[in-house]
């Protein structure tokens, strides 16, 4: 039995496993991915405006300063409060 293919050549099964409905809240800051050496990770974030931006430790965002990036996500500090952003679905 052949796999059904999407217009871009991706099988329906692979596309279904690789995507999640409503995983990213488009009105909030979202962590899209992490890359780079483990001791100096860079994060790719989606801003509420829809733009994407690469950030490193010390970067400033409207929702706070990036104080840490590790394999579990990034940590923001705003007005003395910290919060962790994880990759949606992880």
N, C-alpha and C. Protein backbone atom coordinates (compact mmCIF):
# COMPACT_ATOMS: atom_id res chain seq x y z
N UNK A 1 0.85 -1.17 0.00
CA UNK A 1 0.00 0.00 0.00
C UNK A 1 0.90 1.24 0.00
N UNK A 2 0.65 2.18 -0.87
CA UNK A 2 1.46 3.40 -0.99
C UNK A 2 0.97 4.46 -0.03
N UNK A 3 1.92 5.28 0.46
CA UNK A 3 1.56 6.41 1.32
C UNK A 3 1.03 7.55 0.48
N UNK A 4 -0.01 8.21 0.94
CA UNK A 4 -0.51 9.41 0.25
C UNK A 4 0.51 10.51 0.44
N UNK A 5 0.75 11.29 -0.60
CA UNK A 5 1.74 12.36 -0.54
C UNK A 5 1.05 13.72 -0.59
N UNK A 6 1.55 14.65 0.23
CA UNK A 6 1.08 16.03 0.18
C UNK A 6 1.67 16.68 -1.06
N UNK A 7 1.22 17.88 -1.39
CA UNK A 7 1.69 18.61 -2.56
C UNK A 7 3.20 18.81 -2.54
N UNK A 8 3.80 18.92 -1.35
CA UNK A 8 5.25 19.14 -1.26
C UNK A 8 6.03 17.83 -1.24
N UNK A 9 5.37 16.69 -1.37
CA UNK A 9 6.06 15.42 -1.40
C UNK A 9 6.15 14.71 -0.06
N UNK A 10 5.67 15.32 1.01
CA UNK A 10 5.70 14.72 2.34
C UNK A 10 4.53 13.76 2.48
N UNK A 11 4.80 12.56 3.00
CA UNK A 11 3.69 11.62 3.17
C UNK A 11 2.73 12.14 4.24
N UNK A 12 1.49 11.79 4.12
CA UNK A 12 0.46 12.24 5.06
C UNK A 12 0.79 11.79 6.48
N UNK A 13 1.33 10.58 6.63
CA UNK A 13 1.68 10.07 7.95
C UNK A 13 2.77 10.92 8.59
N UNK A 14 3.84 11.22 7.82
CA UNK A 14 4.94 12.03 8.34
C UNK A 14 4.45 13.44 8.69
N UNK A 15 3.67 14.03 7.81
CA UNK A 15 3.15 15.38 8.07
C UNK A 15 2.29 15.39 9.32
N UNK A 16 1.49 14.37 9.53
CA UNK A 16 0.65 14.29 10.72
C UNK A 16 1.44 14.15 12.00
N UNK A 17 2.52 13.38 11.95
CA UNK A 17 3.35 13.19 13.14
C UNK A 17 4.22 14.41 13.44
N UNK A 18 4.54 15.19 12.42
CA UNK A 18 5.46 16.32 12.58
C UNK A 18 4.76 17.63 12.92
N UNK A 19 3.45 17.64 12.94
CA UNK A 19 2.72 18.89 13.20
C UNK A 19 1.74 18.71 14.34
N UNK A 20 1.44 19.82 14.99
CA UNK A 20 0.46 19.83 16.07
C UNK A 20 -0.45 21.04 15.86
N UNK A 21 -1.74 20.84 15.97
CA UNK A 21 -2.68 21.95 15.85
C UNK A 21 -2.57 22.85 17.07
N UNK A 22 -2.54 24.15 16.84
CA UNK A 22 -2.54 25.17 17.89
C UNK A 22 -1.41 25.02 18.90
N UNK A 23 -0.24 24.56 18.46
CA UNK A 23 0.89 24.38 19.37
C UNK A 23 1.49 25.73 19.78
N UNK A 24 1.37 26.73 18.93
CA UNK A 24 1.94 28.05 19.21
C UNK A 24 0.81 29.05 19.39
N UNK A 25 0.79 29.71 20.55
CA UNK A 25 -0.17 30.79 20.79
C UNK A 25 0.38 32.03 20.09
N UNK A 26 -0.26 32.44 19.05
CA UNK A 26 0.26 33.52 18.20
C UNK A 26 0.28 34.88 18.86
N UNK A 27 -0.39 35.04 19.98
CA UNK A 27 -0.38 36.34 20.64
C UNK A 27 0.67 36.44 21.74
N UNK A 28 1.41 35.38 21.97
CA UNK A 28 2.45 35.34 23.01
C UNK A 28 3.82 35.07 22.41
N UNK A 29 4.85 35.31 23.19
CA UNK A 29 6.21 34.93 22.84
C UNK A 29 6.29 33.41 22.85
N UNK A 30 6.86 32.81 21.81
CA UNK A 30 6.98 31.35 21.74
C UNK A 30 8.39 30.95 21.37
N UNK A 31 8.86 29.88 21.97
CA UNK A 31 10.17 29.32 21.66
C UNK A 31 9.98 28.32 20.52
N UNK A 32 10.68 28.56 19.41
CA UNK A 32 10.55 27.69 18.24
C UNK A 32 11.64 26.63 18.17
N UNK A 33 12.84 26.95 18.67
CA UNK A 33 13.92 25.98 18.60
C UNK A 33 15.18 26.46 19.28
N UNK A 34 16.10 25.53 19.46
CA UNK A 34 17.40 25.79 20.08
C UNK A 34 18.47 25.24 19.16
N UNK A 35 19.60 25.94 19.08
CA UNK A 35 20.69 25.44 18.26
C UNK A 35 22.02 25.98 18.76
N UNK A 36 23.08 25.35 18.29
CA UNK A 36 24.43 25.76 18.68
C UNK A 36 25.03 24.80 19.67
N UNK A 37 26.27 25.12 20.10
CA UNK A 37 26.94 24.26 21.08
C UNK A 37 26.20 24.27 22.41
N UNK A 38 26.22 23.14 23.09
CA UNK A 38 25.47 22.98 24.34
C UNK A 38 25.83 24.03 25.40
N UNK A 39 27.08 24.47 25.41
CA UNK A 39 27.49 25.46 26.42
C UNK A 39 27.25 26.90 25.98
N UNK A 40 26.68 27.09 24.79
CA UNK A 40 26.42 28.43 24.28
C UNK A 40 25.23 28.40 23.31
N UNK A 41 24.09 27.92 23.80
CA UNK A 41 22.92 27.76 22.94
C UNK A 41 22.33 29.09 22.50
N UNK A 42 21.75 29.08 21.32
CA UNK A 42 20.99 30.20 20.78
C UNK A 42 19.56 29.71 20.62
N UNK A 43 18.60 30.60 20.84
CA UNK A 43 17.19 30.24 20.71
C UNK A 43 16.56 31.02 19.57
N UNK A 44 15.62 30.41 18.91
CA UNK A 44 14.81 31.07 17.90
C UNK A 44 13.43 31.26 18.50
N UNK A 45 13.00 32.51 18.61
CA UNK A 45 11.70 32.79 19.22
C UNK A 45 10.78 33.46 18.21
N UNK A 46 9.51 33.27 18.41
CA UNK A 46 8.48 33.96 17.63
C UNK A 46 7.90 35.03 18.53
N UNK A 47 8.00 36.28 18.09
CA UNK A 47 7.48 37.41 18.85
C UNK A 47 5.97 37.51 18.65
N UNK A 48 5.26 38.17 19.57
CA UNK A 48 3.82 38.33 19.38
C UNK A 48 3.45 39.03 18.06
N UNK A 49 4.37 39.81 17.51
CA UNK A 49 4.12 40.49 16.24
C UNK A 49 4.16 39.53 15.05
N UNK A 50 4.66 38.30 15.28
CA UNK A 50 4.78 37.33 14.21
C UNK A 50 6.20 37.22 13.66
N UNK A 51 7.05 38.16 14.01
CA UNK A 51 8.44 38.11 13.56
C UNK A 51 9.20 37.05 14.35
N UNK A 52 10.28 36.54 13.75
CA UNK A 52 11.15 35.62 14.47
C UNK A 52 12.47 36.32 14.76
N UNK A 53 13.12 35.87 15.83
CA UNK A 53 14.37 36.50 16.24
C UNK A 53 15.26 35.47 16.91
N UNK A 54 16.55 35.54 16.62
CA UNK A 54 17.54 34.71 17.32
C UNK A 54 17.95 35.46 18.58
N UNK A 55 17.98 34.77 19.72
CA UNK A 55 18.39 35.39 20.98
C UNK A 55 19.42 34.52 21.68
N UNK A 56 20.26 35.18 22.45
CA UNK A 56 21.25 34.51 23.27
C UNK A 56 21.10 35.01 24.70
N UNK A 57 21.84 34.42 25.62
CA UNK A 57 21.81 34.85 27.01
C UNK A 57 22.16 36.34 27.05
N UNK A 58 21.33 37.13 27.75
CA UNK A 58 21.53 38.56 27.86
C UNK A 58 20.68 39.38 26.90
N UNK A 59 20.07 38.74 25.91
CA UNK A 59 19.22 39.47 24.96
C UNK A 59 18.01 40.04 25.67
N UNK A 60 17.60 41.22 25.23
CA UNK A 60 16.39 41.85 25.77
C UNK A 60 15.22 41.67 24.82
N UNK A 61 14.09 41.32 25.39
CA UNK A 61 12.84 41.20 24.66
C UNK A 61 11.81 42.04 25.39
N UNK A 62 10.70 42.33 24.75
CA UNK A 62 9.66 43.13 25.41
C UNK A 62 9.13 42.44 26.67
N UNK A 63 9.22 41.12 26.71
CA UNK A 63 8.71 40.38 27.87
C UNK A 63 9.79 40.06 28.90
N UNK A 64 11.00 40.60 28.72
CA UNK A 64 12.05 40.40 29.71
C UNK A 64 13.41 40.16 29.09
N UNK A 65 14.37 39.88 29.96
CA UNK A 65 15.74 39.60 29.53
C UNK A 65 15.98 38.10 29.58
N UNK A 66 16.66 37.57 28.58
CA UNK A 66 17.00 36.15 28.54
C UNK A 66 18.14 35.94 29.52
N UNK A 67 17.90 35.16 30.58
CA UNK A 67 18.93 34.93 31.60
C UNK A 67 19.60 33.57 31.45
N UNK A 68 18.96 32.65 30.73
CA UNK A 68 19.56 31.33 30.52
C UNK A 68 18.90 30.65 29.33
N UNK A 69 19.69 29.81 28.67
CA UNK A 69 19.18 28.94 27.62
C UNK A 69 19.83 27.58 27.83
N UNK A 70 18.98 26.55 27.94
CA UNK A 70 19.49 25.19 28.10
C UNK A 70 18.64 24.24 27.27
N UNK A 71 18.90 22.96 27.38
CA UNK A 71 18.21 21.97 26.56
C UNK A 71 16.70 21.93 26.81
N UNK A 72 16.25 22.43 27.97
CA UNK A 72 14.82 22.43 28.29
C UNK A 72 14.11 23.69 27.80
N UNK A 73 14.84 24.71 27.38
CA UNK A 73 14.21 25.93 26.90
C UNK A 73 14.98 27.17 27.29
N UNK A 74 14.30 28.28 27.38
CA UNK A 74 14.96 29.51 27.79
C UNK A 74 14.26 30.09 29.01
N UNK A 75 15.02 30.86 29.80
CA UNK A 75 14.51 31.46 31.02
C UNK A 75 14.54 32.97 30.85
N UNK A 76 13.39 33.60 31.10
CA UNK A 76 13.26 35.06 31.01
C UNK A 76 13.11 35.63 32.41
N UNK A 77 13.68 36.82 32.62
CA UNK A 77 13.50 37.55 33.87
C UNK A 77 12.86 38.87 33.54
N UNK A 78 11.78 39.18 34.23
CA UNK A 78 11.09 40.45 34.06
C UNK A 78 10.63 40.95 35.42
N UNK A 79 11.12 42.10 35.80
CA UNK A 79 10.75 42.71 37.09
C UNK A 79 10.99 41.76 38.26
N UNK A 80 12.10 41.04 38.23
CA UNK A 80 12.45 40.16 39.34
C UNK A 80 11.78 38.80 39.31
N UNK A 81 10.91 38.55 38.36
CA UNK A 81 10.25 37.25 38.24
C UNK A 81 10.84 36.50 37.06
N UNK A 82 11.06 35.21 37.25
CA UNK A 82 11.57 34.40 36.15
C UNK A 82 10.50 33.43 35.67
N UNK A 83 10.57 33.13 34.39
CA UNK A 83 9.67 32.13 33.82
C UNK A 83 10.40 31.39 32.72
N UNK A 84 10.05 30.14 32.53
CA UNK A 84 10.69 29.31 31.53
C UNK A 84 9.76 29.17 30.32
N UNK A 85 10.35 29.27 29.14
CA UNK A 85 9.63 28.97 27.90
C UNK A 85 10.20 27.65 27.36
N UNK A 86 9.34 26.73 27.07
CA UNK A 86 9.75 25.45 26.48
C UNK A 86 9.26 25.42 25.05
N UNK A 87 9.84 24.55 24.26
CA UNK A 87 9.38 24.37 22.88
C UNK A 87 8.00 23.74 22.94
N UNK A 88 7.01 24.30 22.22
CA UNK A 88 5.66 23.73 22.24
C UNK A 88 5.67 22.25 21.89
N UNK A 89 4.94 21.47 22.66
CA UNK A 89 4.84 20.05 22.41
C UNK A 89 5.96 19.22 23.01
N UNK A 90 6.92 19.88 23.67
CA UNK A 90 8.03 19.09 24.24
C UNK A 90 7.74 18.68 25.66
